Amino acid sequence: MKTITTSVLAILFAISSTSVTAQTVTVLDFEDEDETFDIIDHLHTDDWQTNTAYTRNTFAINPNKTGVNSSNRCASFSGYNSGNEWWYGLDIVLKNSIPLTPQLKYVHAMMMTNNTDTDINRGLLLLNSDGGSIVEKWVAISGEWADYVFPIPDGAVEIRELRFMFNHQMNVITYLDEIIINNDPTPRIGLTSTTNVLVNKDFITYAEDRTIQIVSSAKNLNIEVYSVLGKLIYTGQASGDKIQIPVNEKGLYLVKGNQFTEKILVR
């Protein structure tokens, strides 16, 4: 218990001068090819979207690091076959669906194109695990990196597939990077390191009233919750469902599950 207490206090002192940010899920940042393959189940490159005219690259070099996105790697899509194939692009099917909470209302994606003269509109279609459509939205993409925000409708419970649709002409490339989900409708003006939830982890958490909500995608997940002083206030097991842990006091708590630890602010 002494080791746990020390680590808890060290984390809390490190963040004591800042507020805890809204919950954010990082879906993909494309920086590490092996990590990307661990998250993506497939890109629809060997079924109804198969076409040798298309090039999908999930480990492309960022062609413009001077703007709001200075990351080294990104994803890209190029190719054109006919004017009617608006559905082609980077159709990302995740290995694990993303459970949605009241704090996860907007999908953010950094995008840019090398040609803004033709087919400027790009779309995003969100789907659930059954292949059902959640929402579809089209936006005009600029020639420099910008953050595009796609609202998630009320009632959606998960996201399994992100279908970025690019109706290209010849010699057009669209770049995609830094896909996150959060509760902020404001476009990002620069990349930050405020992410506190990873899509390939076994659980996500959020606070609601005086209750810590834990949504687990794994079976037999051991959960521990610690107070600000490192006191163990809950231990139990989540089995692919939501569990609710009432707490008596407002403040910071730590939720531990497998190798992941998450900070939660109860107001």
Protein backbone atom coordinates (compact mmCIF):
# COMPACT_ATOMS: atom_id res chain seq x y z
CA MET A 1 0.00 0.00 0.00
CA LYS A 2 2.90 2.38 0.64
CA THR A 3 4.07 2.13 -2.97
CA ILE A 4 0.58 2.80 -4.27
CA THR A 5 0.11 5.77 -1.96
CA THR A 6 3.39 7.32 -3.07
CA SER A 7 2.54 6.96 -6.76
CA VAL A 8 -0.94 8.40 -6.22
CA LEU A 9 0.40 11.44 -4.38
CA ALA A 10 3.10 12.00 -6.99
CA ILE A 11 0.50 12.11 -9.74
CA LEU A 12 -1.79 14.38 -7.77
CA PHE A 13 0.99 16.85 -6.93
CA ALA A 14 1.95 16.93 -10.60
CA ILE A 15 -1.54 18.03 -11.64
CA SER A 16 -2.48 20.07 -8.56
CA SER A 17 -2.00 23.41 -10.34
CA THR A 18 -4.15 22.53 -13.35
CA SER A 19 -7.74 21.51 -13.87
CA VAL A 20 -8.62 18.04 -15.11
CA THR A 21 -9.57 18.23 -18.77
CA ALA A 22 -12.73 16.82 -20.27
CA GLN A 23 -12.61 13.17 -21.16
CA THR A 24 -10.92 12.51 -24.49
CA VAL A 25 -10.60 9.30 -26.47
CA THR A 26 -7.67 9.07 -28.85
CA VAL A 27 -8.77 6.88 -31.72
CA LEU A 28 -5.73 7.04 -34.03
CA ASP A 29 -2.66 9.24 -34.42
CA PHE A 30 -0.87 7.10 -37.08
CA GLU A 31 2.57 7.74 -35.54
CA ASP A 32 3.46 4.08 -35.03
CA GLU A 33 2.55 1.58 -37.75
CA ASP A 34 2.44 -1.42 -35.43
CA GLU A 35 0.18 0.42 -32.97
CA THR A 36 -2.10 1.46 -35.84
CA PHE A 37 -2.41 -2.16 -36.98
CA ASP A 38 -3.28 -3.17 -33.42
CA ILE A 39 -6.21 -0.73 -33.42
CA ILE A 40 -7.55 -1.13 -36.98
CA ASP A 41 -9.29 -4.38 -37.89
CA HIS A 42 -9.39 -3.61 -41.62
CA LEU A 43 -9.80 -0.83 -44.19
CA HIS A 44 -12.23 -2.55 -46.59
CA THR A 45 -9.41 -3.10 -49.06
CA ASP A 46 -10.34 -6.69 -49.88
CA ASP A 47 -14.12 -6.58 -50.29
CA TRP A 48 -16.62 -4.20 -51.90
CA GLN A 49 -14.14 -1.32 -51.84
CA THR A 50 -11.36 -3.22 -53.61
CA ASN A 51 -9.88 -1.21 -56.46
CA THR A 52 -6.29 -1.05 -57.64
CA ALA A 53 -6.80 2.63 -58.50
CA TYR A 54 -6.84 3.54 -54.82
CA THR A 55 -3.89 3.94 -52.48
CA ARG A 56 -4.55 3.90 -48.75
CA ASN A 57 -1.54 4.61 -46.57
CA THR A 58 -1.75 4.57 -42.76
CA PHE A 59 1.92 5.47 -42.33
CA ALA A 60 2.43 8.45 -44.65
CA ILE A 61 4.85 11.32 -44.09
CA ASN A 62 3.17 14.51 -42.91
CA PRO A 63 3.60 16.87 -45.90
CA ASN A 64 3.06 20.04 -43.88
CA LYS A 65 4.43 20.32 -40.34
CA THR A 66 4.21 24.11 -40.18
CA GLY A 67 0.51 24.34 -39.36
CA VAL A 68 -1.64 23.12 -36.48
CA ASN A 69 -0.49 19.53 -36.99
CA SER A 70 3.27 19.08 -36.58
CA SER A 71 3.19 15.29 -36.18
CA ASN A 72 5.60 13.17 -38.19
CA ARG A 73 3.15 10.62 -39.61
CA CYS A 74 -0.42 10.62 -40.86
CA ALA A 75 -2.76 8.62 -43.11
CA SER A 76 -3.46 9.41 -46.77
CA PHE A 77 -5.81 8.41 -49.58
CA SER A 78 -5.31 8.90 -53.30
CA GLY A 79 -6.86 7.55 -56.47
CA TYR A 80 -9.87 8.09 -58.71
CA ASN A 81 -12.02 5.73 -60.76
CA SER A 82 -15.32 7.41 -61.58
CA GLY A 83 -17.33 10.44 -60.60
CA ASN A 84 -19.95 8.40 -58.77
CA GLU A 85 -17.79 6.65 -56.20
CA TRP A 86 -18.21 9.12 -53.38
CA TRP A 87 -18.07 6.33 -50.77
CA TYR A 88 -14.42 5.44 -51.35
CA GLY A 89 -11.74 6.60 -48.95
CA LEU A 90 -10.28 5.58 -45.62
CA ASP A 91 -12.97 3.28 -44.24
CA ILE A 92 -11.57 2.48 -40.79
CA VAL A 93 -13.08 -0.50 -39.00
CA LEU A 94 -11.80 -0.75 -35.42
CA LYS A 95 -10.98 -4.02 -33.69
CA ASN A 96 -12.82 -2.80 -30.59
CA SER A 97 -15.84 -0.53 -30.64
CA ILE A 98 -15.70 2.74 -28.71
CA PRO A 99 -18.40 2.90 -26.01
CA LEU A 100 -19.89 6.38 -25.86
CA THR A 101 -20.65 8.34 -22.70
CA PRO A 102 -22.33 11.72 -22.11
CA GLN A 103 -18.82 13.23 -22.23
CA LEU A 104 -18.11 11.92 -25.73
CA LYS A 105 -20.15 13.97 -28.21
CA TYR A 106 -17.80 15.07 -31.01
CA VAL A 107 -15.39 13.33 -33.39
CA HIS A 108 -12.39 15.49 -34.30
CA ALA A 109 -10.16 14.73 -37.28
CA MET A 110 -7.22 16.67 -38.68
CA MET A 111 -7.48 16.77 -42.49
CA MET A 112 -5.98 18.55 -45.49
CA THR A 113 -5.84 18.07 -49.27
CA ASN A 114 -3.28 18.84 -51.95
CA ASN A 115 -5.97 20.19 -54.31
CA THR A 116 -8.89 22.40 -53.33
CA ASP A 117 -10.06 23.15 -56.89
CA THR A 118 -12.13 19.99 -57.46
CA ASP A 119 -14.32 17.86 -55.20
CA ILE A 120 -13.67 19.97 -52.14
CA ASN A 121 -16.23 18.14 -49.99
CA ARG A 122 -15.16 15.24 -47.82
CA GLY A 123 -17.49 13.22 -45.63
CA LEU A 124 -17.51 11.14 -42.48
CA LEU A 125 -20.00 8.36 -41.89
CA LEU A 126 -20.03 6.79 -38.42
CA LEU A 127 -21.29 3.24 -38.02
CA ASN A 128 -21.93 0.89 -35.09
CA SER A 129 -20.92 -2.76 -34.70
CA ASP A 130 -23.94 -3.95 -36.71
CA GLY A 131 -23.00 -1.75 -39.66
CA GLY A 132 -25.83 0.66 -38.90
CA SER A 133 -25.37 4.33 -39.73
CA ILE A 134 -25.02 6.72 -36.78
CA VAL A 135 -24.52 10.00 -38.63
CA GLU A 136 -23.13 11.38 -41.90
CA LYS A 137 -21.66 14.83 -42.50
CA TRP A 138 -19.78 16.50 -45.35
CA VAL A 139 -17.32 19.41 -45.07
CA ALA A 140 -15.02 21.37 -47.35
CA ILE A 141 -11.36 20.52 -46.76
CA SER A 142 -8.63 23.17 -47.01
CA GLY A 143 -5.11 22.93 -48.37
CA GLU A 144 -3.61 23.17 -44.89
CA TRP A 145 -4.14 21.12 -41.76
CA ALA A 146 -7.31 21.99 -39.88
CA ASP A 147 -9.44 20.27 -37.26
CA TYR A 148 -12.87 19.20 -38.51
CA VAL A 149 -15.58 18.45 -35.96
CA PHE A 150 -18.37 15.90 -36.49
CA PRO A 151 -21.20 15.86 -33.91
CA ILE A 152 -22.40 12.52 -32.57
CA PRO A 153 -26.20 12.39 -32.23
CA ASP A 154 -27.89 11.73 -28.92
CA GLY A 155 -28.71 8.09 -28.35
CA ALA A 156 -25.60 6.67 -30.00
CA VAL A 157 -23.98 4.09 -27.73
CA GLU A 158 -20.85 3.05 -29.64
CA ILE A 159 -18.68 3.66 -32.70
CA ARG A 160 -17.08 0.74 -34.54
CA GLU A 161 -16.42 2.20 -37.99
CA LEU A 162 -15.31 5.62 -39.24
CA ARG A 163 -15.87 5.91 -42.97
CA PHE A 164 -13.98 8.94 -44.29
CA MET A 165 -15.37 9.43 -47.81
CA PHE A 166 -13.25 11.25 -50.41
CA ASN A 167 -14.75 11.82 -53.88
CA HIS A 168 -11.46 12.41 -55.65
CA GLN A 169 -10.39 13.59 -59.04
CA MET A 170 -7.07 12.61 -60.59
CA ASN A 171 -3.89 13.51 -58.70
CA VAL A 172 -5.75 14.47 -55.54
CA ILE A 173 -4.51 13.30 -52.14
CA THR A 174 -6.39 13.75 -48.87
CA TYR A 175 -4.48 13.47 -45.59
CA LEU A 176 -5.99 12.37 -42.26
CA ASP A 177 -4.53 12.50 -38.76
CA GLU A 178 -5.14 12.79 -35.01
CA ILE A 179 -8.67 11.38 -34.70
CA ILE A 180 -10.12 11.94 -31.22
CA ILE A 181 -13.54 11.99 -29.54
CA ASN A 182 -14.41 14.44 -26.78
CA ASN A 183 -17.11 16.81 -25.51
CA ASP A 184 -15.73 20.01 -27.06
CA PRO A 185 -17.29 21.32 -30.30
CA THR A 186 -14.47 23.84 -30.77
CA PRO A 187 -11.89 22.86 -33.45
CA ARG A 188 -8.39 22.32 -32.14
CA ILE A 189 -5.90 25.02 -33.08
CA GLY A 190 -2.93 22.83 -32.17
CA LEU A 191 -2.20 19.36 -30.92
CA THR A 192 -2.03 18.92 -27.15
CA SER A 193 -1.11 16.12 -24.76
CA THR A 194 -4.34 16.17 -22.76
CA THR A 195 -5.54 12.76 -23.82
CA ASN A 196 -6.54 10.61 -20.85
CA VAL A 197 -8.34 7.71 -22.50
CA LEU A 198 -7.00 5.27 -25.11
CA VAL A 199 -9.32 3.46 -27.46
CA ASN A 200 -7.47 0.15 -27.16
CA LYS A 201 -7.69 -0.01 -23.39
CA ASP A 202 -10.20 -2.17 -21.52
CA PHE A 203 -12.35 0.53 -19.93
CA ILE A 204 -13.32 4.19 -19.90
CA THR A 205 -14.52 6.21 -16.93
CA TYR A 206 -16.38 9.41 -16.22
CA ALA A 207 -17.97 11.09 -13.21
CA GLU A 208 -21.67 11.78 -12.88
CA ASP A 209 -22.94 13.47 -9.73
CA ARG A 210 -21.18 11.68 -6.83
CA THR A 211 -20.71 8.47 -8.81
CA ILE A 212 -17.76 7.12 -10.79
CA GLN A 213 -19.05 5.40 -13.91
CA ILE A 214 -16.87 2.68 -15.44
CA VAL A 215 -17.69 1.22 -18.86
CA SER A 216 -15.73 -1.95 -19.59
CA SER A 217 -15.23 -3.67 -22.94
CA ALA A 218 -13.34 -6.57 -21.37
CA LYS A 219 -14.52 -9.58 -19.41
CA ASN A 220 -13.27 -10.19 -15.88
CA LEU A 221 -11.51 -6.83 -15.61
CA ASN A 222 -10.19 -6.17 -12.09
CA ILE A 223 -10.98 -2.59 -11.02
CA GLU A 224 -9.48 -0.64 -8.09
CA VAL A 225 -10.43 2.90 -7.07
CA TYR A 226 -8.22 5.02 -4.78
CA SER A 227 -8.93 8.28 -2.98
CA VAL A 228 -6.73 11.38 -3.09
CA LEU A 229 -4.75 10.00 -0.13
CA GLY A 230 -4.16 6.64 -1.75
CA LYS A 231 -6.84 4.82 0.25
CA LEU A 232 -8.43 1.88 -1.55
CA ILE A 233 -12.16 2.65 -1.57
CA TYR A 234 -13.36 0.05 -4.08
CA THR A 235 -12.19 -3.23 -5.56
CA GLY A 236 -14.25 -5.42 -7.83
CA GLN A 237 -14.60 -6.94 -11.25
CA ALA A 238 -16.21 -5.55 -14.40
CA SER A 239 -17.46 -7.99 -17.03
CA GLY A 240 -18.13 -6.16 -20.27
CA ASP A 241 -20.68 -3.80 -18.73
CA LYS A 242 -21.07 -0.54 -16.82
CA ILE A 243 -20.48 -0.40 -13.06
CA GLN A 244 -21.28 2.52 -10.77
CA ILE A 245 -19.21 3.39 -7.71
CA PRO A 246 -20.72 5.96 -5.29
CA VAL A 247 -18.21 8.19 -3.51
CA ASN A 248 -18.80 10.29 -0.41
CA GLU A 249 -16.62 13.27 -1.21
CA LYS A 250 -15.77 15.52 -4.12
CA GLY A 251 -12.21 15.46 -5.41
CA LEU A 252 -9.70 13.48 -7.44
CA TYR A 253 -9.75 9.69 -7.63
CA LEU A 254 -7.64 7.11 -9.40
CA VAL A 255 -9.20 4.20 -11.26
CA LYS A 256 -6.88 1.29 -12.02
CA GLY A 257 -7.66 -1.56 -14.40
CA ASN A 258 -5.01 -3.95 -15.72
CA GLN A 259 -2.02 -1.80 -16.75
CA PHE A 260 -4.05 1.41 -17.14
CA THR A 261 -4.61 4.13 -14.55
CA GLU A 262 -7.03 7.01 -15.00
CA LYS A 263 -7.61 10.23 -13.02
CA ILE A 264 -11.24 11.20 -12.36
CA LEU A 265 -12.50 14.47 -10.89
CA VAL A 266 -15.77 14.13 -8.95
CA ARG A 267 -17.46 17.49 -8.54
